[in-house]
N, C-alpha and C. Protein backbone atom coordinates (compact mmCIF):
# COMPACT_ATOMS: atom_id res chain seq x y z
N MET A 1 100.18 101.92 87.84
CA MET A 1 100.84 101.55 86.76
C MET A 1 102.17 100.09 87.21
N GLY A 2 101.65 99.82 85.82
CA GLY A 2 102.36 98.48 85.79
C GLY A 2 103.39 98.65 84.96
N GLY A 3 104.08 97.55 84.92
CA GLY A 3 105.22 97.73 83.81
C GLY A 3 105.36 96.31 83.24
N VAL A 4 105.66 96.37 82.14
CA VAL A 4 105.89 95.48 81.01
C VAL A 4 107.01 94.71 80.09
N GLN A 5 107.83 93.68 80.35
CA GLN A 5 109.46 93.81 79.63
C GLN A 5 109.20 93.13 78.31
N SER A 6 108.98 93.07 77.41
CA SER A 6 108.64 92.83 75.84
C SER A 6 109.97 93.41 74.76
N SER A 7 111.11 92.38 74.04
CA SER A 7 112.18 92.93 73.42
C SER A 7 113.21 93.76 74.31
N GLY A 8 112.91 93.74 75.78
CA GLY A 8 113.87 94.54 75.83
C GLY A 8 113.05 96.12 76.35
N ARG A 9 112.06 96.26 75.56
CA ARG A 9 111.46 97.76 76.23
C ARG A 9 110.72 97.98 77.09
N PRO A 10 110.26 98.73 77.73
CA PRO A 10 109.45 98.23 78.92
C PRO A 10 107.98 98.85 78.29
N ASN A 11 106.77 98.39 78.42
CA ASN A 11 105.66 98.78 78.37
C ASN A 11 104.45 98.86 79.76
N ARG A 12 103.65 99.94 79.86
CA ARG A 12 103.28 100.24 80.22
C ARG A 12 101.59 99.84 80.28
N PHE A 13 101.03 99.63 81.47
CA PHE A 13 99.26 99.29 81.02
C PHE A 13 98.97 99.21 82.57
N TYR A 14 97.53 99.96 83.10
CA TYR A 14 97.41 100.60 83.82
C TYR A 14 96.36 99.64 84.33
N ALA A 15 96.22 99.47 85.00
CA ALA A 15 94.91 98.52 85.37
C ALA A 15 93.90 99.41 86.87
N MET A 16 93.26 100.17 86.06
CA MET A 16 93.01 101.10 87.63
C MET A 16 91.47 100.29 88.46
N SER A 17 91.32 100.49 89.48
CA SER A 17 90.57 100.36 90.18
C SER A 17 89.08 100.00 90.48
N GLY A 18 89.00 101.46 89.21
CA GLY A 18 87.29 101.22 88.82
C GLY A 18 87.27 103.06 88.52
N HIS A 19 86.26 103.48 87.74
CA HIS A 19 86.34 104.41 86.54
C HIS A 19 86.34 105.59 88.05
N GLN A 20 86.08 105.75 88.96
CA GLN A 20 86.74 107.21 89.85
C GLN A 20 88.23 107.16 90.00
N THR A 21 88.77 106.44 89.87
CA THR A 21 90.08 106.33 89.86
C THR A 21 90.48 106.45 88.89
N THR A 22 90.06 106.41 87.86
CA THR A 22 90.46 106.64 86.51
C THR A 22 89.99 108.33 85.66
N GLN A 23 89.23 108.72 86.67
CA GLN A 23 88.66 110.05 86.01
C GLN A 23 89.23 111.03 86.01
N ALA A 24 89.87 110.82 88.06
CA ALA A 24 90.37 111.39 88.49
C ALA A 24 92.27 111.72 87.60
N SER A 25 92.31 110.52 87.04
CA SER A 25 93.39 110.35 86.77
C SER A 25 93.74 111.84 86.19
N PRO A 26 94.89 112.85 85.59
CA PRO A 26 95.40 113.91 85.32
C PRO A 26 95.72 113.50 83.56
N ASP A 27 96.32 112.30 83.19
CA ASP A 27 97.08 111.96 81.64
C ASP A 27 96.27 110.55 81.11
N VAL A 28 94.99 110.95 81.62
CA VAL A 28 94.22 109.77 80.55
C VAL A 28 92.78 110.60 79.93
N VAL A 29 92.33 110.08 79.07
CA VAL A 29 90.72 111.08 78.18
C VAL A 29 90.59 109.18 78.62
N ILE A 30 88.59 109.36 78.14
CA ILE A 30 87.92 108.44 78.73
C ILE A 30 86.77 108.29 77.67
N GLY A 31 86.54 107.56 76.78
CA GLY A 31 85.07 107.81 75.84
C GLY A 31 84.52 106.80 74.92
N ILE A 32 83.48 106.97 74.11
CA ILE A 32 82.85 105.94 73.60
C ILE A 32 83.73 105.82 72.26
N LEU A 33 84.88 105.10 71.49
CA LEU A 33 84.77 105.16 69.90
C LEU A 33 84.23 103.61 69.72
N THR A 34 84.63 104.09 67.58
CA THR A 34 83.60 103.21 67.80
C THR A 34 85.09 101.92 66.70
N VAL A 35 85.09 100.99 67.33
CA VAL A 35 86.25 100.05 66.41
C VAL A 35 85.13 98.68 65.32
N GLN A 36 85.80 98.40 64.36
CA GLN A 36 85.17 97.89 63.69
C GLN A 36 83.72 97.34 63.92
N SER A 37 82.67 98.31 63.71
CA SER A 37 81.83 99.33 63.53
C SER A 37 80.50 98.57 64.78
N HIS A 38 81.49 99.45 65.73
CA HIS A 38 80.78 98.64 67.35
C HIS A 38 81.36 99.51 67.87
N GLU A 39 80.68 100.06 69.01
CA GLU A 39 80.70 101.33 69.36
C GLU A 39 81.59 100.31 71.04
N VAL A 40 82.86 101.43 71.43
CA VAL A 40 83.25 100.39 72.77
C VAL A 40 83.43 101.44 73.23
N TYR A 41 84.24 101.61 75.15
CA TYR A 41 84.09 102.39 76.12
C TYR A 41 85.71 102.42 76.32
N ALA A 42 86.64 103.06 75.76
CA ALA A 42 87.14 102.87 75.76
C ALA A 42 88.68 104.34 76.39
N LEU A 43 90.38 104.22 76.92
CA LEU A 43 90.56 104.94 77.69
C LEU A 43 91.70 104.72 76.90
N ILE A 44 91.84 106.21 76.59
CA ILE A 44 93.24 106.71 75.82
C ILE A 44 94.32 107.17 76.35
N ASP A 45 95.36 106.32 76.80
CA ASP A 45 96.72 105.93 78.20
C ASP A 45 97.79 106.30 77.46
N PRO A 46 98.06 107.57 76.98
CA PRO A 46 99.77 107.93 76.16
C PRO A 46 100.47 106.96 77.28
N GLY A 47 100.67 106.67 78.58
CA GLY A 47 101.05 106.26 79.10
C GLY A 47 101.44 104.73 79.09
N SER A 48 100.56 104.11 77.81
CA SER A 48 100.78 103.18 77.13
C SER A 48 101.06 102.66 75.94
N THR A 49 102.19 101.47 76.02
CA THR A 49 103.20 101.75 74.87
C THR A 49 102.12 101.34 73.96
N LEU A 50 101.31 100.03 74.12
CA LEU A 50 100.62 99.26 72.70
C LEU A 50 99.18 99.87 73.47
N SER A 51 98.07 99.15 72.81
CA SER A 51 96.61 99.05 72.63
C SER A 51 96.34 97.70 72.98
N TYR A 52 95.36 97.44 73.68
CA TYR A 52 94.65 96.17 74.06
C TYR A 52 93.30 96.20 73.90
N VAL A 53 92.68 95.27 74.03
CA VAL A 53 91.19 95.19 73.49
C VAL A 53 90.99 93.46 74.78
N THR A 54 89.54 93.85 74.70
CA THR A 54 89.25 93.16 75.62
C THR A 54 88.51 91.97 74.95
N PRO A 55 88.40 90.51 75.08
CA PRO A 55 88.17 89.41 74.18
C PRO A 55 86.78 88.87 74.03
N PHE A 56 85.81 89.58 75.17
CA PHE A 56 84.47 89.49 74.74
C PHE A 56 84.31 90.99 73.75
N VAL A 57 85.15 91.86 73.84
CA VAL A 57 84.44 92.78 72.55
C VAL A 57 85.03 91.71 71.43
N ALA A 58 86.11 91.97 70.70
CA ALA A 58 87.25 91.30 69.83
C ALA A 58 86.33 89.88 69.08
N MET A 59 85.99 89.27 70.66
CA MET A 59 84.88 88.50 69.90
C MET A 59 83.75 89.16 68.58
N GLU A 60 83.62 89.96 68.68
CA GLU A 60 82.19 90.84 67.21
C GLU A 60 82.89 91.33 66.40
N PHE A 61 84.62 91.63 66.45
CA PHE A 61 84.82 91.89 65.58
C PHE A 61 84.82 91.02 64.23
N GLY A 62 84.59 89.97 63.96
CA GLY A 62 84.92 89.07 62.73
C GLY A 62 86.11 88.54 61.94
N ILE A 63 87.55 89.12 62.75
CA ILE A 63 88.99 89.26 62.68
C ILE A 63 89.20 87.77 63.26
N GLU A 64 90.46 87.22 63.15
CA GLU A 64 90.86 85.93 63.37
C GLU A 64 91.93 86.81 63.75
N PRO A 65 92.24 85.83 65.21
CA PRO A 65 93.89 86.97 65.33
C PRO A 65 94.83 86.15 65.87
N ASP A 66 95.48 86.86 65.69
CA ASP A 66 97.03 86.34 65.22
C ASP A 66 97.91 85.81 66.68
N LYS A 67 98.63 84.81 66.43
CA LYS A 67 99.44 84.73 67.76
C LYS A 67 101.00 85.58 68.00
N LEU A 68 101.07 85.74 68.77
CA LEU A 68 101.85 87.43 69.12
C LEU A 68 103.53 86.01 68.64
N HIS A 69 104.52 86.80 67.68
CA HIS A 69 105.65 85.97 67.86
C HIS A 69 106.05 85.95 69.21
N GLU A 70 106.22 86.56 70.06
CA GLU A 70 106.82 86.42 71.50
C GLU A 70 105.65 86.85 72.68
N PRO A 71 105.04 86.25 73.06
CA PRO A 71 104.22 86.00 73.80
C PRO A 71 104.84 87.12 75.35
N PHE A 72 104.00 88.17 75.99
CA PHE A 72 104.95 88.91 77.07
C PHE A 72 103.84 89.81 78.10
N SER A 73 104.13 89.33 79.34
CA SER A 73 103.71 89.67 80.68
C SER A 73 103.43 90.57 80.58
N VAL A 74 102.36 91.30 81.35
CA VAL A 74 101.70 93.00 81.24
C VAL A 74 101.58 93.15 82.68
N SER A 75 102.39 93.29 83.70
CA SER A 75 101.87 93.70 85.54
C SER A 75 101.01 94.79 85.34
N THR A 76 100.03 94.26 86.50
CA THR A 76 98.82 95.47 87.06
C THR A 76 99.48 96.05 87.95
N LEU A 77 98.39 97.07 88.79
CA LEU A 77 98.63 97.84 89.65
C LEU A 77 98.84 96.91 90.68
N VAL A 78 97.83 96.30 90.70
CA VAL A 78 97.80 95.03 91.63
C VAL A 78 98.82 94.28 91.66
N ARG A 79 99.91 93.91 91.12
CA ARG A 79 101.27 93.12 91.37
C ARG A 79 100.42 91.87 90.62
N GLU A 80 99.61 91.94 89.77
CA GLU A 80 98.97 90.83 88.80
C GLU A 80 99.82 90.37 87.57
N SER A 81 100.09 90.20 87.20
CA SER A 81 101.05 89.04 86.15
C SER A 81 100.34 88.59 84.78
N ILE A 82 99.58 89.75 83.76
CA ILE A 82 98.80 88.34 82.60
C ILE A 82 99.62 88.26 81.67
N THR A 83 99.83 87.10 80.27
CA THR A 83 100.35 86.40 79.60
C THR A 83 99.09 87.14 78.77
N VAL A 84 99.68 87.82 78.00
CA VAL A 84 98.96 88.00 76.03
C VAL A 84 99.43 87.51 75.33
N ALA A 85 99.27 86.66 74.50
CA ALA A 85 99.39 86.25 73.19
C ALA A 85 98.84 85.98 71.52
N ARG A 86 97.64 86.89 71.90
CA ARG A 86 96.89 87.15 70.78
C ARG A 86 96.80 88.14 70.17
N VAL A 87 96.53 89.02 68.69
CA VAL A 87 96.64 90.32 68.42
C VAL A 87 96.06 90.69 67.28
N TYR A 88 95.10 91.23 67.31
CA TYR A 88 94.45 91.75 66.50
C TYR A 88 94.25 92.93 65.44
N ARG A 89 95.03 92.89 64.47
CA ARG A 89 95.84 92.86 63.27
C ARG A 89 94.90 94.32 62.44
N GLY A 90 95.39 95.25 62.01
CA GLY A 90 94.46 95.67 61.40
C GLY A 90 92.84 96.58 61.46
N CYS A 91 92.88 96.52 62.83
CA CYS A 91 91.05 97.43 63.07
C CYS A 91 91.15 98.16 63.11
N VAL A 92 89.74 98.43 62.29
CA VAL A 92 88.94 99.50 61.81
C VAL A 92 89.02 100.72 63.50
N VAL A 93 89.64 101.39 63.27
CA VAL A 93 88.91 102.69 64.92
C VAL A 93 88.43 103.73 63.82
N MET A 94 87.22 104.16 64.33
CA MET A 94 86.64 105.68 63.64
C MET A 94 86.74 106.55 64.82
N VAL A 95 87.60 107.82 64.31
CA VAL A 95 87.32 108.88 65.07
C VAL A 95 86.62 110.07 64.38
N ARG A 96 84.98 110.21 64.93
CA ARG A 96 84.31 111.23 63.98
C ARG A 96 84.85 111.41 62.54
N GLY A 97 84.33 110.20 61.90
CA GLY A 97 84.03 109.77 60.39
C GLY A 97 85.45 109.86 59.27
N ARG A 98 86.78 109.67 60.62
CA ARG A 98 88.00 109.14 59.81
C ARG A 98 88.43 107.43 60.18
N ASN A 99 87.99 106.88 59.57
CA ASN A 99 89.03 105.45 60.05
C ASN A 99 90.68 105.69 60.40
N THR A 100 90.92 104.98 60.90
CA THR A 100 92.67 104.65 61.46
C THR A 100 92.33 103.49 61.73
N MET A 101 93.48 102.92 61.61
CA MET A 101 93.58 101.28 61.79
C MET A 101 94.67 100.99 63.08
N ALA A 102 94.07 100.07 64.00
CA ALA A 102 95.35 99.71 65.42
C ALA A 102 95.43 98.08 64.62
N ASN A 103 96.07 97.60 65.45
CA ASN A 103 96.13 96.48 65.83
C ASN A 103 96.68 96.28 67.83
N LEU A 104 95.86 95.79 67.91
CA LEU A 104 94.88 95.43 69.24
C LEU A 104 95.20 94.14 69.79
N ILE A 105 96.17 93.88 70.85
CA ILE A 105 96.10 92.86 71.80
C ILE A 105 95.32 92.30 72.93
N GLU A 106 94.40 91.26 72.51
CA GLU A 106 94.07 90.61 73.66
C GLU A 106 94.72 91.06 74.97
N LEU A 107 93.69 91.52 76.18
CA LEU A 107 93.55 91.10 76.99
C LEU A 107 92.33 91.79 77.93
N GLY A 108 92.49 90.01 79.41
CA GLY A 108 91.61 90.07 79.98
C GLY A 108 91.35 91.68 81.04
N MET A 109 90.16 92.51 81.00
CA MET A 109 90.80 93.46 81.54
C MET A 109 88.85 93.56 82.08
N VAL A 110 88.54 94.25 82.89
CA VAL A 110 86.61 94.36 83.23
C VAL A 110 86.79 95.87 83.06
N ASP A 111 86.72 97.04 83.96
CA ASP A 111 86.28 98.17 83.18
C ASP A 111 86.54 99.32 81.78
N PHE A 112 87.46 98.70 81.03
CA PHE A 112 87.42 99.26 79.94
C PHE A 112 87.35 97.80 78.77
N ASP A 113 87.09 98.13 77.72
CA ASP A 113 86.70 97.27 76.45
C ASP A 113 87.93 97.65 75.81
N LEU A 114 88.85 98.67 75.64
CA LEU A 114 89.54 98.95 74.83
C LEU A 114 90.63 100.07 75.55
N ILE A 115 92.43 99.52 75.70
CA ILE A 115 92.76 100.95 76.11
C ILE A 115 93.47 100.81 74.55
N MET A 116 94.01 102.29 74.42
CA MET A 116 94.57 103.04 73.37
C MET A 116 95.55 103.67 73.19
N GLY A 117 96.66 102.90 73.03
CA GLY A 117 98.52 103.48 73.79
C GLY A 117 98.66 104.38 72.70
N MET A 118 100.25 104.56 73.00
CA MET A 118 101.22 105.24 72.29
C MET A 118 100.87 104.30 70.17
N ASP A 119 101.53 103.46 70.81
CA ASP A 119 101.09 102.93 69.19
C ASP A 119 100.24 103.77 68.77
N TRP A 120 99.20 103.39 69.00
CA TRP A 120 98.09 104.22 67.80
C TRP A 120 97.94 105.78 68.18
N LEU A 121 98.49 106.45 68.94
CA LEU A 121 98.41 107.69 68.94
C LEU A 121 99.22 107.99 68.31
N TYR A 122 100.43 107.68 68.43
CA TYR A 122 101.68 107.96 67.28
C TYR A 122 101.03 108.05 65.51
N SER A 123 100.58 107.18 65.13
CA SER A 123 100.37 106.71 64.62
C SER A 123 99.18 107.88 63.71
N CYS A 124 99.07 108.37 64.64
CA CYS A 124 97.09 109.31 64.24
C CYS A 124 97.59 110.39 64.54
N PHE A 125 99.06 110.77 64.86
CA PHE A 125 99.84 111.99 65.14
C PHE A 125 98.89 112.99 66.09
N ALA A 126 98.22 112.11 66.78
CA ALA A 126 97.75 112.79 68.41
C ALA A 126 98.28 113.40 69.03
N LYS A 127 97.56 114.43 69.76
CA LYS A 127 97.90 115.44 70.77
C LYS A 127 96.72 115.22 71.61
N LEU A 128 97.06 114.79 72.95
CA LEU A 128 96.24 115.28 74.24
C LEU A 128 95.87 116.35 74.72
N ASN A 129 95.07 116.58 75.13
CA ASN A 129 94.71 117.94 76.15
C ASN A 129 93.68 117.15 77.26
N CYS A 130 95.13 116.64 78.68
CA CYS A 130 94.15 116.14 79.34
C CYS A 130 93.14 116.89 80.62
N ARG A 131 93.63 118.14 80.44
CA ARG A 131 92.89 119.48 81.17
C ARG A 131 91.31 119.35 80.76
N THR A 132 91.30 119.58 79.03
CA THR A 132 89.52 119.37 78.71
C THR A 132 89.65 117.89 77.99
N ARG A 133 90.06 117.09 78.76
CA ARG A 133 89.92 115.29 78.07
C ARG A 133 89.34 115.49 76.50
N THR A 134 90.70 116.13 75.57
CA THR A 134 89.96 115.97 74.68
C THR A 134 91.18 115.83 73.82
N MET A 135 91.05 115.06 72.44
CA MET A 135 92.13 114.37 71.53
C MET A 135 92.15 115.22 70.10
N ARG A 136 92.89 115.37 69.92
CA ARG A 136 93.42 115.78 68.59
C ARG A 136 94.10 115.27 68.06
N LEU A 137 93.40 114.65 66.17
CA LEU A 137 94.30 114.17 65.18
C LEU A 137 94.69 115.17 64.57
N GLU A 138 96.08 115.69 63.99
CA GLU A 138 96.50 115.51 63.23
C GLU A 138 97.29 115.67 61.77
N PHE A 139 96.67 114.65 61.22
CA PHE A 139 97.36 114.04 60.22
C PHE A 139 97.28 115.17 58.61
N PRO A 140 99.01 114.98 58.71
CA PRO A 140 99.63 115.48 57.32
C PRO A 140 98.41 116.52 56.26
N LYS A 141 98.18 116.99 56.00
CA LYS A 141 97.54 117.23 54.75
C LYS A 141 96.26 117.18 54.91
N GLU A 142 95.70 117.46 56.09
CA GLU A 142 93.85 117.08 56.36
C GLU A 142 93.56 117.90 57.28
N PRO A 143 92.24 118.31 57.40
CA PRO A 143 92.18 118.57 58.25
C PRO A 143 91.95 118.29 59.94
N ASP A 144 92.22 119.00 61.15
CA ASP A 144 92.37 118.76 62.16
C ASP A 144 90.76 118.31 62.35
N ILE A 145 90.84 117.15 63.50
CA ILE A 145 89.82 116.25 64.09
C ILE A 145 90.15 116.53 65.70
N GLU A 146 88.99 117.20 66.49
CA GLU A 146 89.10 116.74 66.73
C GLU A 146 87.80 115.67 68.19
N TRP A 147 88.47 115.31 69.07
CA TRP A 147 87.18 114.05 69.45
C TRP A 147 87.63 114.53 71.13
N LYS A 148 86.22 114.32 71.56
CA LYS A 148 85.93 114.88 73.46
C LYS A 148 85.33 113.61 74.13
N GLY A 149 86.02 113.56 75.22
CA GLY A 149 86.24 112.31 75.94
C GLY A 149 84.88 112.30 77.08
N ASP A 150 84.68 111.57 77.60
CA ASP A 150 83.42 111.65 78.79
C ASP A 150 84.40 112.77 80.44
N ASN A 151 83.50 113.53 80.28
CA ASN A 151 84.19 114.63 81.61
C ASN A 151 83.18 113.78 83.24
N VAL A 152 82.51 113.35 83.35
CA VAL A 152 82.04 112.68 84.20
C VAL A 152 81.44 111.43 83.75
N VAL A 153 81.50 110.13 85.09
CA VAL A 153 81.31 109.03 84.86
C VAL A 153 79.92 109.03 85.69
N PRO A 154 78.78 108.84 86.02
CA PRO A 154 78.06 108.61 87.50
C PRO A 154 77.94 108.03 88.57
N LYS A 155 77.98 108.24 89.68
CA LYS A 155 78.54 106.83 90.81
C LYS A 155 77.85 106.15 90.60
N ASP A 156 77.75 104.57 90.93
CA ASP A 156 77.08 103.93 91.01
C ASP A 156 76.38 103.10 89.89
N GLU A 157 76.54 103.55 88.54
CA GLU A 157 75.85 103.55 87.59
C GLU A 157 76.44 102.98 86.47
N LEU A 158 76.20 102.95 85.05
CA LEU A 158 76.63 101.73 84.28
C LEU A 158 77.14 103.34 83.39
N PRO A 159 78.91 103.64 83.26
CA PRO A 159 78.16 104.50 82.28
C PRO A 159 77.58 103.88 80.59
N ARG A 160 76.81 103.44 80.33
CA ARG A 160 75.80 102.88 79.11
C ARG A 160 75.80 101.14 78.97
N ILE A 161 74.94 101.02 78.46
CA ILE A 161 74.15 100.13 78.19
C ILE A 161 75.01 98.88 77.95
N PRO A 162 75.48 98.24 78.40
CA PRO A 162 76.95 97.16 78.13
C PRO A 162 76.67 96.69 76.33
N PRO A 163 77.79 96.13 75.82
CA PRO A 163 77.01 95.55 74.62
C PRO A 163 76.45 94.62 74.85
N TYR A 164 75.56 93.41 73.78
CA TYR A 164 75.61 92.36 74.39
C TYR A 164 76.45 91.60 73.52
N ARG A 165 77.28 90.82 74.98
CA ARG A 165 77.84 89.84 74.28
C ARG A 165 77.47 88.19 75.14
N GLU A 166 77.56 87.39 74.11
CA GLU A 166 77.64 86.01 74.11
C GLU A 166 78.09 84.92 74.71
N ILE A 167 77.92 84.86 76.21
CA ILE A 167 78.52 83.64 76.89
C ILE A 167 77.54 81.95 76.74
N ASP A 168 78.85 81.50 76.44
CA ASP A 168 78.98 79.91 75.81
C ASP A 168 79.34 79.43 77.44
N PHE A 169 78.31 78.86 78.37
CA PHE A 169 78.57 78.35 79.41
C PHE A 169 78.20 76.93 79.53
N GLY A 170 78.57 76.55 80.35
CA GLY A 170 78.55 75.13 80.68
C GLY A 170 78.75 73.64 81.70
N ILE A 171 78.91 73.34 82.16
CA ILE A 171 79.71 72.29 83.28
C ILE A 171 79.09 71.07 82.32
N ASP A 172 80.44 70.42 82.14
CA ASP A 172 80.71 68.77 81.69
C ASP A 172 80.34 67.59 82.42
N MET A 173 79.51 67.31 82.77
CA MET A 173 79.24 66.30 83.76
C MET A 173 79.63 64.81 83.58
N ILE A 174 79.52 63.66 83.75
CA ILE A 174 80.24 62.83 83.64
C ILE A 174 78.63 61.95 83.63
N PRO A 175 78.43 61.11 82.46
CA PRO A 175 76.65 61.21 82.19
C PRO A 175 77.19 59.44 83.86
N GLY A 176 75.60 59.06 84.24
CA GLY A 176 75.14 58.89 85.87
C GLY A 176 75.58 59.13 87.14
N THR A 177 76.35 60.53 87.52
CA THR A 177 76.92 60.76 88.54
C THR A 177 75.54 62.06 89.26
N GLN A 178 75.76 62.15 90.69
CA GLN A 178 74.58 62.66 91.37
C GLN A 178 75.21 63.54 91.65
N PRO A 179 73.90 64.57 91.94
CA PRO A 179 74.79 65.92 92.54
C PRO A 179 75.00 65.77 93.99
N ILE A 180 76.12 66.56 94.26
CA ILE A 180 77.05 66.77 95.42
C ILE A 180 76.27 67.14 96.82
N SER A 181 76.02 66.30 97.82
CA SER A 181 74.66 66.86 98.58
C SER A 181 75.78 66.90 99.88
N ILE A 182 76.18 68.23 100.07
CA ILE A 182 77.03 68.27 101.19
C ILE A 182 77.00 69.27 101.80
N PRO A 183 76.31 69.58 103.63
CA PRO A 183 75.73 70.89 103.98
C PRO A 183 76.83 72.10 104.33
N PRO A 184 76.51 73.04 103.90
CA PRO A 184 77.27 74.57 103.67
C PRO A 184 77.77 74.78 104.39
N TYR A 185 77.23 74.41 105.75
CA TYR A 185 78.48 75.08 106.96
C TYR A 185 77.85 74.24 108.21
N ARG A 186 78.75 73.86 109.13
CA ARG A 186 77.80 73.25 110.16
C ARG A 186 78.22 74.00 111.34
N MET A 187 77.23 74.17 112.07
CA MET A 187 77.58 74.92 113.40
C MET A 187 77.50 73.85 114.34
N ALA A 188 77.58 74.48 115.44
CA ALA A 188 77.72 74.47 116.81
C ALA A 188 76.58 74.39 117.54
N SER A 189 75.75 73.96 118.19
CA SER A 189 74.85 74.18 119.15
C SER A 189 74.43 75.20 120.14
N ALA A 190 75.82 75.28 120.18
CA ALA A 190 75.55 76.98 121.06
C ALA A 190 75.18 77.62 120.26
N GLU A 191 76.57 77.93 118.90
CA GLU A 191 76.68 79.24 117.88
C GLU A 191 74.57 79.32 117.03
N LEU A 192 74.25 77.67 116.91
CA LEU A 192 72.66 77.84 116.26
C LEU A 192 71.60 78.60 117.49
N LYS A 193 71.31 78.18 119.00
CA LYS A 193 71.12 79.03 119.44
C LYS A 193 70.80 80.41 119.75
N GLU A 194 71.57 80.46 119.93
CA GLU A 194 72.21 82.13 119.75
C GLU A 194 71.23 83.19 118.52
N LEU A 195 71.61 82.25 117.61
CA LEU A 195 71.34 82.58 116.42
C LEU A 195 70.04 82.72 116.29
N LYS A 196 69.45 82.00 116.88
CA LYS A 196 67.85 81.64 116.45
C LYS A 196 66.87 82.25 117.76
N GLU A 197 67.30 82.73 118.59
CA GLU A 197 67.38 84.53 119.76
C GLU A 197 66.77 85.21 119.31
């Protein structure tokens, strides 16, 4: 777990080393949620003060992000610090047919598309049962909504087919530039002879 300082309040963000580590954690729930009509792989984490979304998923939302009034740094488990500066306000998060709203801070992450923190859990009157990996939303004067997360993530397999993500990649070159030709590795004659034997 890591700490974040923003306006004097500590925010926490988990940067798990993999799905097995997260799955073994007793205080989180993992599963598929629908955000802005897109299914996303989510970590429900009451240890995180705020909610986060990866930029690869957020660009599919059709919402322009706002700049945070005060960017802040998120410290990860590996002591890496990531500065966050953009937020997607008013995102629709659907849980078993019930629309809820969330402000999602853009954060580059690999294992999850979405981390739902205490800001969203509080607004949804949520109760987590980490033993059964379920979340219950208890909105006033409405029937309770129960959502069950994934119980098992298969080893060495993807939990689902990843969503299509358009990545625009290119290398700008100066006109007339020739490719660089450098041998990738030089080996001493004795090493080369030993390698061939």
